[in-house]
Amino acid sequence: MQKQCGRTGISISVPNDEWVTANGRYHWAKKAKMTRALRTRAKFLAKRDRLKVQVPTLLTVRVGYPTSARADMENAHPTVKALIDGLVDAGALPDDSSREIVSTTWERGPKCEKGTHMVELVFTSQDVPF
């Protein structure tokens, strides 16, 4: 977890067998199992790090891939959604509605080790409520 003036963040390593993409065609039961694992992973890490996001906030999502090949970061949306839901489950974020997360920006993160993806969620608090 990182903290700076008005910024809070968390980095989550996601194994390939839990990586859910918008282009994936998964059986509903497999996708549900992967989503549950992601939510649990994020909830555990947020509680461990005592993460508390001040809202309203801007969210920057940095997605790290195990290769340097081109990537469409927004394909990671199902994974990121499950991770954010885990932060809500942990109480680190009151909700994930547009009142709390005012906007989301996607960026390419640094290359990570094979067999995983790295998702960094950086929250920048806003002084003026929505």
Protein backbone atom coordinates (compact mmCIF):
# COMPACT_ATOMS: atom_id res chain seq x y z
CA MET A 1 0.00 0.00 0.00
CA GLN A 2 1.20 3.51 -0.77
CA LYS A 3 0.09 6.77 0.80
CA GLN A 4 0.85 10.27 -0.42
CA CYS A 5 -0.91 13.56 0.06
CA GLY A 6 -4.44 12.73 -1.10
CA ARG A 7 -3.34 9.44 -2.69
CA THR A 8 -3.77 5.87 -1.60
CA GLY A 9 -2.95 2.77 -3.57
CA ILE A 10 -2.71 -0.97 -3.53
CA SER A 11 -0.84 -3.39 -5.79
CA ILE A 12 -2.35 -6.82 -6.34
CA SER A 13 -0.59 -9.71 -8.04
CA VAL A 14 -3.12 -11.83 -9.93
CA PRO A 15 -2.18 -15.37 -11.02
CA ASN A 16 -3.07 -16.35 -14.59
CA ASP A 17 -5.71 -18.83 -13.41
CA GLU A 18 -7.68 -15.95 -11.82
CA TRP A 19 -7.20 -13.44 -14.67
CA VAL A 20 -10.63 -12.64 -16.16
CA THR A 21 -10.80 -10.64 -19.39
CA ALA A 22 -13.65 -9.01 -21.29
CA ASN A 23 -12.78 -11.17 -24.30
CA GLY A 24 -12.78 -14.45 -22.36
CA ARG A 25 -15.52 -16.98 -22.93
CA TYR A 26 -15.83 -18.69 -19.56
CA HIS A 27 -18.30 -21.19 -18.22
CA TRP A 28 -20.42 -19.32 -15.66
CA ALA A 29 -19.26 -21.54 -12.78
CA LYS A 30 -15.58 -21.09 -13.62
CA LYS A 31 -16.00 -17.32 -13.97
CA ALA A 32 -17.84 -17.16 -10.64
CA LYS A 33 -15.01 -19.09 -8.94
CA MET A 34 -12.37 -16.78 -10.45
CA THR A 35 -14.35 -13.67 -9.47
CA ARG A 36 -14.81 -14.93 -5.90
CA ALA A 37 -11.06 -15.60 -5.62
CA LEU A 38 -10.25 -12.08 -6.85
CA ARG A 39 -12.67 -10.47 -4.40
CA THR A 40 -11.22 -12.51 -1.53
CA ARG A 41 -7.65 -11.63 -2.54
CA ALA A 42 -8.40 -7.88 -2.63
CA LYS A 43 -10.38 -8.01 0.62
CA PHE A 44 -7.53 -9.79 2.43
CA LEU A 45 -4.87 -7.36 1.15
CA ALA A 46 -6.97 -4.27 1.92
CA LYS A 47 -7.61 -5.45 5.48
CA ARG A 48 -3.96 -6.45 5.95
CA ASP A 49 -2.79 -3.02 4.75
CA ARG A 50 -5.59 -1.16 6.57
CA LEU A 51 -6.48 0.55 3.31
CA LYS A 52 -8.94 3.45 3.59
CA VAL A 53 -9.92 5.40 0.48
CA GLN A 54 -11.18 8.94 0.89
CA VAL A 55 -14.13 9.66 -1.38
CA PRO A 56 -14.96 11.08 -3.80
CA THR A 57 -11.88 9.83 -5.63
CA LEU A 58 -10.29 9.46 -9.03
CA LEU A 59 -9.07 5.95 -9.84
CA THR A 60 -6.01 5.16 -11.90
CA VAL A 61 -5.72 1.50 -12.89
CA ARG A 62 -2.23 0.34 -13.90
CA VAL A 63 -2.14 -3.10 -15.47
CA GLY A 64 1.18 -4.95 -15.67
CA TYR A 65 1.56 -7.86 -18.07
CA PRO A 66 4.17 -10.64 -18.17
CA THR A 67 5.21 -9.64 -21.72
CA SER A 68 6.05 -6.42 -23.50
CA ALA A 69 3.55 -7.18 -26.26
CA ARG A 70 0.76 -4.73 -27.03
CA ALA A 71 -2.22 -4.97 -24.71
CA ASP A 72 -5.71 -3.53 -24.40
CA MET A 73 -5.75 -2.67 -20.71
CA GLU A 74 -9.52 -2.19 -20.57
CA ASN A 75 -9.94 -5.91 -21.33
CA ALA A 76 -8.91 -6.36 -17.69
CA HIS A 77 -12.15 -4.68 -16.57
CA PRO A 78 -13.79 -7.88 -15.18
CA THR A 79 -10.69 -8.53 -13.05
CA VAL A 80 -10.48 -4.93 -11.86
CA LYS A 81 -14.22 -4.85 -11.08
CA ALA A 82 -13.86 -7.94 -8.87
CA LEU A 83 -10.84 -6.42 -7.09
CA ILE A 84 -12.72 -3.18 -6.42
CA ASP A 85 -15.68 -5.18 -5.11
CA GLY A 86 -13.22 -6.85 -2.71
CA LEU A 87 -12.14 -3.41 -1.47
CA VAL A 88 -15.80 -2.60 -0.82
CA ASP A 89 -16.20 -5.95 1.00
CA ALA A 90 -13.21 -5.00 3.19
CA GLY A 91 -14.69 -1.60 4.03
CA ALA A 92 -11.74 0.19 2.40
CA LEU A 93 -14.14 1.86 -0.04
CA PRO A 94 -17.72 2.66 0.97
CA ASP A 95 -19.13 1.79 -2.48
CA ASP A 96 -18.01 1.67 -6.10
CA SER A 97 -20.69 3.94 -7.54
CA SER A 98 -20.06 7.13 -9.52
CA ARG A 99 -20.47 9.15 -6.32
CA GLU A 100 -17.39 7.53 -4.83
CA ILE A 101 -15.28 6.81 -7.94
CA VAL A 102 -15.73 9.91 -10.07
CA SER A 103 -13.57 8.73 -13.00
CA THR A 104 -11.26 5.90 -13.98
CA THR A 105 -8.07 6.12 -16.05
CA TRP A 106 -6.27 3.09 -17.48
CA GLU A 107 -2.48 2.89 -17.84
CA ARG A 108 0.05 0.25 -18.78
CA GLY A 109 1.99 -0.88 -15.74
CA PRO A 110 5.51 -2.29 -15.63
CA LYS A 111 6.27 -5.78 -16.90
CA CYS A 112 5.75 -8.43 -14.22
CA GLU A 113 6.89 -12.01 -13.78
CA LYS A 114 5.50 -14.84 -15.90
CA GLY A 115 2.36 -16.53 -14.66
CA THR A 116 0.93 -13.35 -13.17
CA HIS A 117 -0.47 -9.93 -13.92
CA MET A 118 -0.08 -6.94 -11.63
CA VAL A 119 -2.95 -4.55 -10.99
CA GLU A 120 -2.19 -1.32 -9.19
CA LEU A 121 -5.18 0.72 -8.04
CA VAL A 122 -4.30 4.33 -7.21
CA PHE A 123 -6.99 6.49 -5.61
CA THR A 124 -6.60 10.29 -5.65
CA SER A 125 -9.07 12.02 -3.34
CA GLN A 126 -11.06 15.00 -4.53
CA ASP A 127 -11.58 18.07 -2.34
CA VAL A 128 -15.00 18.93 -3.72
CA PRO A 129 -17.75 16.30 -3.30
CA PHE A 130 -19.64 15.15 -6.38
